[in-house]
Amino acid sequence: MIWCVADLTRSPFRDHAFNIMMNVLSPSNYEEFRRLLVPGGMLVKVIPGPEYLQEFRRFLYDPSSPKQAEAVEETAVLFARHFPGMKQQRIRYEAELSQLHLEAMLKMTPLSWHAPEERTQLLLAGPSLTVTFDFTILWGEHLNA
């Protein structure tokens, strides 16, 4: 098993090097996935679900911004185009984050990168916040050699 964080557009691995690849909360390069997977190999992609970090979205941005559910559907359609026979499962849970963990989570997510500083500070002012974690897991088999 190898865990790797790398630029998927310039992968350092040889063709057909992997039986399974996992892409978590990051952009995709389906041509590169197919190049790297052995025929019959499996791609697992984790994408944010429609309620992923909805508390951050509501607090930091205009609630009338584009819907996350549409982005999930678009990603699933694109995935299925490259990996026919795709399957999917949704996992959703809530967790109460202390101020320390809330601050770390907020720094980690791109949702905070362009948020107004005053809104970010208000969000961090409380002792804790219950946050929704919502993921859609897509997986499919590489059918072409």
N, C-alpha and C. Protein backbone atom coordinates (compact mmCIF):
# COMPACT_ATOMS: atom_id res chain seq x y z
N MET A 1 0.86 -1.17 0.00
CA MET A 1 0.00 0.00 0.00
C MET A 1 0.90 1.23 0.00
N ILE A 2 0.49 2.23 -0.75
CA ILE A 2 1.23 3.49 -0.78
C ILE A 2 0.22 4.63 -0.66
N TRP A 3 0.51 5.56 0.22
CA TRP A 3 -0.29 6.79 0.36
C TRP A 3 0.57 7.89 -0.21
N CYS A 4 0.00 8.64 -1.13
CA CYS A 4 0.79 9.65 -1.82
C CYS A 4 -0.02 10.92 -2.01
N VAL A 5 0.61 12.03 -1.77
CA VAL A 5 0.02 13.32 -2.10
C VAL A 5 0.92 13.90 -3.18
N ALA A 6 0.33 14.11 -4.37
CA ALA A 6 1.14 14.57 -5.50
C ALA A 6 0.25 15.33 -6.48
N ASP A 7 0.88 15.95 -7.43
CA ASP A 7 0.17 16.65 -8.50
C ASP A 7 -0.27 15.61 -9.52
N LEU A 8 -1.57 15.41 -9.64
CA LEU A 8 -2.09 14.38 -10.51
C LEU A 8 -1.85 14.66 -11.99
N THR A 9 -1.52 15.87 -12.34
CA THR A 9 -1.24 16.16 -13.75
C THR A 9 0.19 15.76 -14.13
N ARG A 10 1.03 15.52 -13.13
CA ARG A 10 2.42 15.10 -13.38
C ARG A 10 2.79 13.96 -12.45
N SER A 11 2.02 12.91 -12.48
CA SER A 11 2.24 11.77 -11.59
C SER A 11 3.58 11.10 -11.89
N PRO A 12 4.33 10.76 -10.86
CA PRO A 12 5.65 10.15 -11.06
C PRO A 12 5.60 8.63 -11.26
N PHE A 13 4.40 8.05 -11.42
CA PHE A 13 4.27 6.60 -11.49
C PHE A 13 4.11 6.10 -12.92
N ARG A 14 4.52 4.86 -13.13
CA ARG A 14 4.43 4.24 -14.46
C ARG A 14 2.98 3.89 -14.80
N ASP A 15 2.73 3.64 -16.06
CA ASP A 15 1.41 3.22 -16.53
C ASP A 15 0.97 1.95 -15.81
N HIS A 16 -0.32 1.86 -15.52
CA HIS A 16 -0.94 0.67 -14.94
C HIS A 16 -0.22 0.20 -13.67
N ALA A 17 0.11 1.15 -12.80
CA ALA A 17 0.86 0.85 -11.58
C ALA A 17 -0.03 0.49 -10.39
N PHE A 18 -1.33 0.79 -10.45
CA PHE A 18 -2.17 0.64 -9.26
C PHE A 18 -3.42 -0.18 -9.51
N ASN A 19 -3.78 -0.98 -8.51
CA ASN A 19 -5.03 -1.73 -8.54
C ASN A 19 -6.19 -0.89 -8.03
N ILE A 20 -5.91 -0.04 -7.07
CA ILE A 20 -6.93 0.82 -6.46
C ILE A 20 -6.32 2.21 -6.27
N MET A 21 -7.10 3.23 -6.59
CA MET A 21 -6.70 4.61 -6.31
C MET A 21 -7.86 5.30 -5.61
N MET A 22 -7.52 6.20 -4.69
CA MET A 22 -8.53 6.95 -3.95
C MET A 22 -8.23 8.43 -4.08
N ASN A 23 -9.25 9.20 -4.43
CA ASN A 23 -9.14 10.63 -4.64
C ASN A 23 -10.12 11.28 -3.66
N VAL A 24 -9.60 12.02 -2.69
CA VAL A 24 -10.44 12.54 -1.60
C VAL A 24 -10.50 14.06 -1.64
N LEU A 25 -11.71 14.59 -1.83
CA LEU A 25 -11.98 16.03 -1.76
C LEU A 25 -11.00 16.85 -2.58
N SER A 26 -10.69 16.38 -3.77
CA SER A 26 -9.77 17.13 -4.62
C SER A 26 -10.18 16.96 -6.08
N PRO A 27 -9.67 17.83 -6.95
CA PRO A 27 -10.01 17.74 -8.37
C PRO A 27 -9.57 16.40 -8.97
N SER A 28 -10.10 16.10 -10.13
CA SER A 28 -9.81 14.83 -10.79
C SER A 28 -9.14 15.06 -12.14
N ASN A 29 -8.38 14.06 -12.52
CA ASN A 29 -7.80 14.00 -13.86
C ASN A 29 -8.06 12.57 -14.34
N TYR A 30 -9.20 12.37 -14.99
CA TYR A 30 -9.64 11.01 -15.34
C TYR A 30 -8.71 10.32 -16.31
N GLU A 31 -8.11 11.07 -17.23
CA GLU A 31 -7.14 10.45 -18.13
C GLU A 31 -5.97 9.88 -17.35
N GLU A 32 -5.51 10.63 -16.37
CA GLU A 32 -4.37 10.16 -15.56
C GLU A 32 -4.79 8.98 -14.68
N PHE A 33 -5.99 9.01 -14.13
CA PHE A 33 -6.48 7.87 -13.36
C PHE A 33 -6.47 6.60 -14.22
N ARG A 34 -6.98 6.71 -15.44
CA ARG A 34 -7.04 5.54 -16.32
C ARG A 34 -5.63 5.08 -16.71
N ARG A 35 -4.72 6.02 -16.89
CA ARG A 35 -3.34 5.65 -17.22
C ARG A 35 -2.70 4.87 -16.07
N LEU A 36 -2.96 5.31 -14.85
CA LEU A 36 -2.31 4.72 -13.67
C LEU A 36 -2.93 3.40 -13.22
N LEU A 37 -4.22 3.22 -13.48
CA LEU A 37 -4.90 2.00 -13.02
C LEU A 37 -4.67 0.83 -13.97
N VAL A 38 -4.52 -0.36 -13.39
CA VAL A 38 -4.49 -1.57 -14.20
C VAL A 38 -5.89 -1.80 -14.76
N PRO A 39 -6.01 -2.48 -15.89
CA PRO A 39 -7.35 -2.84 -16.36
C PRO A 39 -8.07 -3.64 -15.27
N GLY A 40 -9.28 -3.26 -14.99
CA GLY A 40 -10.04 -3.87 -13.89
C GLY A 40 -9.77 -3.22 -12.55
N GLY A 41 -8.86 -2.23 -12.51
CA GLY A 41 -8.57 -1.52 -11.27
C GLY A 41 -9.74 -0.64 -10.84
N MET A 42 -9.73 -0.20 -9.61
CA MET A 42 -10.84 0.53 -9.03
C MET A 42 -10.42 1.95 -8.65
N LEU A 43 -11.27 2.92 -9.04
CA LEU A 43 -11.10 4.30 -8.59
C LEU A 43 -12.19 4.59 -7.56
N VAL A 44 -11.79 5.11 -6.42
CA VAL A 44 -12.71 5.56 -5.38
C VAL A 44 -12.52 7.06 -5.25
N LYS A 45 -13.62 7.80 -5.38
CA LYS A 45 -13.55 9.26 -5.29
C LYS A 45 -14.53 9.72 -4.21
N VAL A 46 -14.03 10.52 -3.28
CA VAL A 46 -14.86 11.08 -2.21
C VAL A 46 -15.08 12.55 -2.51
N ILE A 47 -16.35 12.94 -2.62
CA ILE A 47 -16.69 14.33 -2.92
C ILE A 47 -17.58 14.88 -1.81
N PRO A 48 -17.57 16.20 -1.63
CA PRO A 48 -18.45 16.78 -0.63
C PRO A 48 -19.91 16.61 -1.03
N GLY A 49 -20.73 16.15 -0.09
CA GLY A 49 -22.15 16.00 -0.34
C GLY A 49 -22.86 17.34 -0.25
N PRO A 50 -24.18 17.35 -0.49
CA PRO A 50 -24.93 18.60 -0.55
C PRO A 50 -24.97 19.38 0.77
N GLU A 51 -24.76 18.71 1.90
CA GLU A 51 -24.81 19.41 3.19
C GLU A 51 -23.42 19.54 3.84
N TYR A 52 -22.37 19.22 3.09
CA TYR A 52 -21.00 19.28 3.62
C TYR A 52 -20.68 20.68 4.14
N LEU A 53 -20.35 20.75 5.42
CA LEU A 53 -19.97 22.01 6.08
C LEU A 53 -20.99 23.12 5.82
N GLN A 54 -22.26 22.76 5.78
CA GLN A 54 -23.30 23.74 5.48
C GLN A 54 -23.32 24.89 6.48
N GLU A 55 -22.92 24.65 7.70
CA GLU A 55 -22.88 25.71 8.70
C GLU A 55 -21.87 26.78 8.31
N PHE A 56 -20.74 26.38 7.78
CA PHE A 56 -19.73 27.34 7.31
C PHE A 56 -20.29 28.13 6.13
N ARG A 57 -20.90 27.44 5.19
CA ARG A 57 -21.45 28.11 4.00
C ARG A 57 -22.48 29.15 4.39
N ARG A 58 -23.39 28.77 5.27
CA ARG A 58 -24.45 29.70 5.68
C ARG A 58 -23.90 30.91 6.41
N PHE A 59 -22.92 30.68 7.26
CA PHE A 59 -22.40 31.76 8.08
C PHE A 59 -21.47 32.69 7.31
N LEU A 60 -20.65 32.12 6.43
CA LEU A 60 -19.61 32.91 5.76
C LEU A 60 -20.06 33.55 4.45
N TYR A 61 -21.10 32.98 3.81
CA TYR A 61 -21.47 33.44 2.48
C TYR A 61 -22.96 33.68 2.35
N ASP A 62 -23.33 34.27 1.24
CA ASP A 62 -24.73 34.52 0.89
C ASP A 62 -25.44 33.18 0.71
N PRO A 63 -26.53 32.95 1.44
CA PRO A 63 -27.24 31.67 1.32
C PRO A 63 -27.81 31.42 -0.07
N SER A 64 -27.87 32.40 -0.92
CA SER A 64 -28.43 32.20 -2.27
C SER A 64 -27.36 31.77 -3.28
N SER A 65 -26.14 31.47 -2.80
CA SER A 65 -25.08 31.04 -3.72
C SER A 65 -25.43 29.66 -4.31
N PRO A 66 -24.73 29.22 -5.38
CA PRO A 66 -25.07 27.97 -6.06
C PRO A 66 -25.18 26.79 -5.10
N LYS A 67 -26.06 25.89 -5.42
CA LYS A 67 -26.35 24.76 -4.55
C LYS A 67 -25.30 23.67 -4.69
N GLN A 68 -24.86 23.15 -3.56
CA GLN A 68 -23.87 22.08 -3.53
C GLN A 68 -24.41 20.80 -4.16
N ALA A 69 -25.72 20.56 -4.06
CA ALA A 69 -26.32 19.35 -4.63
C ALA A 69 -26.08 19.27 -6.14
N GLU A 70 -26.13 20.41 -6.82
CA GLU A 70 -25.88 20.43 -8.26
C GLU A 70 -24.45 20.03 -8.58
N ALA A 71 -23.50 20.47 -7.76
CA ALA A 71 -22.10 20.12 -7.97
C ALA A 71 -21.88 18.62 -7.77
N VAL A 72 -22.56 18.03 -6.80
CA VAL A 72 -22.45 16.59 -6.58
C VAL A 72 -22.94 15.83 -7.80
N GLU A 73 -24.08 16.23 -8.32
CA GLU A 73 -24.65 15.56 -9.49
C GLU A 73 -23.74 15.70 -10.71
N GLU A 74 -23.21 16.88 -10.93
CA GLU A 74 -22.31 17.10 -12.07
C GLU A 74 -21.06 16.22 -11.96
N THR A 75 -20.50 16.12 -10.76
CA THR A 75 -19.32 15.29 -10.56
C THR A 75 -19.64 13.82 -10.78
N ALA A 76 -20.79 13.37 -10.30
CA ALA A 76 -21.20 11.97 -10.48
C ALA A 76 -21.39 11.65 -11.96
N VAL A 77 -21.98 12.55 -12.71
CA VAL A 77 -22.19 12.34 -14.14
C VAL A 77 -20.83 12.24 -14.85
N LEU A 78 -19.91 13.11 -14.53
CA LEU A 78 -18.58 13.09 -15.14
C LEU A 78 -17.84 11.81 -14.77
N PHE A 79 -17.90 11.42 -13.52
CA PHE A 79 -17.25 10.19 -13.07
C PHE A 79 -17.81 8.99 -13.85
N ALA A 80 -19.14 8.90 -13.95
CA ALA A 80 -19.79 7.78 -14.64
C ALA A 80 -19.42 7.74 -16.12
N ARG A 81 -19.18 8.89 -16.71
CA ARG A 81 -18.77 8.93 -18.11
C ARG A 81 -17.41 8.24 -18.29
N HIS A 82 -16.55 8.39 -17.32
CA HIS A 82 -15.20 7.80 -17.40
C HIS A 82 -15.13 6.41 -16.79
N PHE A 83 -16.02 6.12 -15.86
CA PHE A 83 -16.04 4.82 -15.19
C PHE A 83 -17.47 4.28 -15.21
N PRO A 84 -17.90 3.75 -16.37
CA PRO A 84 -19.26 3.22 -16.48
C PRO A 84 -19.49 2.14 -15.42
N GLY A 85 -20.71 2.04 -14.98
CA GLY A 85 -21.02 1.08 -13.92
C GLY A 85 -20.72 1.63 -12.53
N MET A 86 -20.51 2.94 -12.46
CA MET A 86 -20.21 3.61 -11.20
C MET A 86 -21.27 3.27 -10.15
N LYS A 87 -20.81 3.15 -8.94
CA LYS A 87 -21.70 3.01 -7.79
C LYS A 87 -21.44 4.19 -6.87
N GLN A 88 -22.41 4.48 -6.01
CA GLN A 88 -22.20 5.59 -5.08
C GLN A 88 -22.91 5.33 -3.77
N GLN A 89 -22.40 5.96 -2.72
CA GLN A 89 -23.00 5.88 -1.39
C GLN A 89 -22.76 7.21 -0.69
N ARG A 90 -23.77 7.63 0.06
CA ARG A 90 -23.67 8.88 0.81
C ARG A 90 -23.45 8.56 2.29
N ILE A 91 -22.55 9.31 2.90
CA ILE A 91 -22.29 9.20 4.33
C ILE A 91 -22.43 10.59 4.92
N ARG A 92 -23.28 10.71 5.94
CA ARG A 92 -23.54 12.01 6.55
C ARG A 92 -23.58 11.87 8.07
N TYR A 93 -22.92 12.78 8.76
CA TYR A 93 -22.98 12.80 10.22
C TYR A 93 -22.69 14.21 10.69
N GLU A 94 -22.99 14.46 11.95
CA GLU A 94 -22.70 15.76 12.55
C GLU A 94 -21.74 15.55 13.71
N ALA A 95 -20.92 16.55 13.95
CA ALA A 95 -19.98 16.49 15.07
C ALA A 95 -19.86 17.89 15.68
N GLU A 96 -19.79 17.92 16.99
CA GLU A 96 -19.58 19.20 17.66
C GLU A 96 -18.08 19.44 17.75
N LEU A 97 -17.64 20.56 17.20
CA LEU A 97 -16.22 20.91 17.20
C LEU A 97 -15.96 21.98 18.25
N SER A 98 -14.97 21.73 19.08
CA SER A 98 -14.53 22.74 20.04
C SER A 98 -13.91 23.90 19.27
N GLN A 99 -13.68 24.99 19.95
CA GLN A 99 -13.11 26.16 19.27
C GLN A 99 -11.77 25.82 18.61
N LEU A 100 -10.95 25.03 19.28
CA LEU A 100 -9.65 24.63 18.72
C LEU A 100 -9.82 23.84 17.42
N HIS A 101 -10.71 22.85 17.44
CA HIS A 101 -10.94 22.03 16.25
C HIS A 101 -11.69 22.81 15.17
N LEU A 102 -12.56 23.69 15.59
CA LEU A 102 -13.29 24.53 14.64
C LEU A 102 -12.32 25.41 13.86
N GLU A 103 -11.38 26.00 14.56
CA GLU A 103 -10.40 26.86 13.90
C GLU A 103 -9.55 26.05 12.91
N ALA A 104 -9.12 24.86 13.32
CA ALA A 104 -8.32 24.01 12.42
C ALA A 104 -9.13 23.61 11.20
N MET A 105 -10.38 23.24 11.40
CA MET A 105 -11.24 22.84 10.28
C MET A 105 -11.48 24.01 9.33
N LEU A 106 -11.69 25.17 9.89
CA LEU A 106 -11.94 26.35 9.07
C LEU A 106 -10.71 26.71 8.24
N LYS A 107 -9.52 26.56 8.81
CA LYS A 107 -8.30 26.85 8.06
C LYS A 107 -8.05 25.82 6.96
N MET A 108 -8.51 24.59 7.18
CA MET A 108 -8.28 23.51 6.23
C MET A 108 -9.15 23.65 4.98
N THR A 109 -10.37 24.10 5.16
CA THR A 109 -11.30 24.10 4.04
C THR A 109 -11.16 25.34 3.16
N PRO A 110 -11.24 25.16 1.85
CA PRO A 110 -11.22 26.32 0.95
C PRO A 110 -12.39 27.28 1.17
N LEU A 111 -13.42 26.84 1.87
CA LEU A 111 -14.57 27.72 2.14
C LEU A 111 -14.15 29.00 2.88
N SER A 112 -13.09 28.91 3.65
CA SER A 112 -12.67 30.07 4.44
C SER A 112 -11.65 30.95 3.72
N TRP A 113 -11.08 30.46 2.65
CA TRP A 113 -9.97 31.16 2.03
C TRP A 113 -10.33 32.55 1.52
N HIS A 114 -11.56 32.77 1.09
CA HIS A 114 -11.95 34.08 0.57
C HIS A 114 -13.11 34.68 1.36
N ALA A 115 -13.36 34.12 2.51
CA ALA A 115 -14.46 34.62 3.35
C ALA A 115 -14.07 35.96 3.97
N PRO A 116 -15.05 36.83 4.19
CA PRO A 116 -14.76 38.09 4.87
C PRO A 116 -14.20 37.82 6.28
N GLU A 117 -13.12 38.48 6.61
CA GLU A 117 -12.43 38.25 7.88
C GLU A 117 -13.36 38.46 9.08
N GLU A 118 -14.22 39.47 9.02
CA GLU A 118 -15.13 39.72 10.15
C GLU A 118 -16.11 38.56 10.35
N ARG A 119 -16.55 37.92 9.26
CA ARG A 119 -17.45 36.76 9.38
C ARG A 119 -16.70 35.57 9.97
N THR A 120 -15.46 35.39 9.54
CA THR A 120 -14.63 34.30 10.07
C THR A 120 -14.43 34.46 11.56
N GLN A 121 -14.11 35.67 12.00
CA GLN A 121 -13.89 35.92 13.43
C GLN A 121 -15.16 35.69 14.25
N LEU A 122 -16.30 36.09 13.71
CA LEU A 122 -17.56 35.84 14.40
C LEU A 122 -17.84 34.34 14.53
N LEU A 123 -17.54 33.60 13.50
CA LEU A 123 -17.74 32.15 13.54
C LEU A 123 -16.87 31.51 14.62
N LEU A 124 -15.66 32.01 14.76
CA LEU A 124 -14.72 31.45 15.74
C LEU A 124 -14.92 31.97 17.16
N ALA A 125 -15.81 32.92 17.33
CA ALA A 125 -16.00 33.54 18.65
C ALA A 125 -16.69 32.63 19.65
N GLY A 126 -17.47 31.68 19.19
CA GLY A 126 -18.19 30.80 20.11
C GLY A 126 -17.32 29.68 20.64
N PRO A 127 -17.77 29.02 21.72
CA PRO A 127 -16.98 27.94 22.32
C PRO A 127 -16.98 26.66 21.49
N SER A 128 -18.03 26.44 20.69
CA SER A 128 -18.11 25.24 19.85
C SER A 128 -19.18 25.45 18.78
N LEU A 129 -19.21 24.52 17.84
CA LEU A 129 -20.21 24.57 16.78
C LEU A 129 -20.45 23.15 16.29
N THR A 130 -21.69 22.78 16.09
CA THR A 130 -22.02 21.49 15.48
C THR A 130 -21.94 21.67 13.97
N VAL A 131 -21.14 20.80 13.35
CA VAL A 131 -20.85 20.91 11.92
C VAL A 131 -21.28 19.62 11.22
N THR A 132 -21.82 19.77 10.02
CA THR A 132 -22.28 18.63 9.22
C THR A 132 -21.16 18.17 8.30
N PHE A 133 -20.88 16.87 8.35
CA PHE A 133 -19.94 16.23 7.44
C PHE A 133 -20.78 15.34 6.53
N ASP A 134 -20.73 15.62 5.25
CA ASP A 134 -21.58 14.95 4.28
C ASP A 134 -20.72 14.62 3.06
N PHE A 135 -20.59 13.34 2.78
CA PHE A 135 -19.73 12.91 1.68
C PHE A 135 -20.50 11.98 0.75
N THR A 136 -20.19 12.05 -0.52
CA THR A 136 -20.66 11.09 -1.49
C THR A 136 -19.44 10.33 -1.98
N ILE A 137 -19.50 9.03 -1.86
CA ILE A 137 -18.40 8.18 -2.30
C ILE A 137 -18.80 7.55 -3.62
N LEU A 138 -17.98 7.78 -4.62
CA LEU A 138 -18.18 7.21 -5.96
C LEU A 138 -17.09 6.17 -6.18
N TRP A 139 -17.44 5.05 -6.80
CA TRP A 139 -16.40 4.10 -7.16
C TRP A 139 -16.78 3.38 -8.45
N GLY A 140 -15.75 3.04 -9.19
CA GLY A 140 -15.96 2.40 -10.47
C GLY A 140 -14.71 1.66 -10.91
N GLU A 141 -14.93 0.73 -11.82
CA GLU A 141 -13.85 -0.11 -12.31
C GLU A 141 -13.33 0.42 -13.64
N HIS A 142 -12.01 0.36 -13.79
CA HIS A 142 -11.36 0.75 -15.04
C HIS A 142 -11.54 -0.38 -16.04
N LEU A 143 -12.38 -0.15 -17.05
CA LEU A 143 -12.77 -1.24 -17.97
C LEU A 143 -11.89 -1.33 -19.21
N ASN A 144 -11.17 -0.27 -19.56
CA ASN A 144 -10.37 -0.26 -20.79
C ASN A 144 -8.90 -0.44 -20.49
N ALA A 145 -8.22 -1.16 -21.37
CA ALA A 145 -6.79 -1.37 -21.21
C ALA A 145 -6.01 -0.15 -21.64
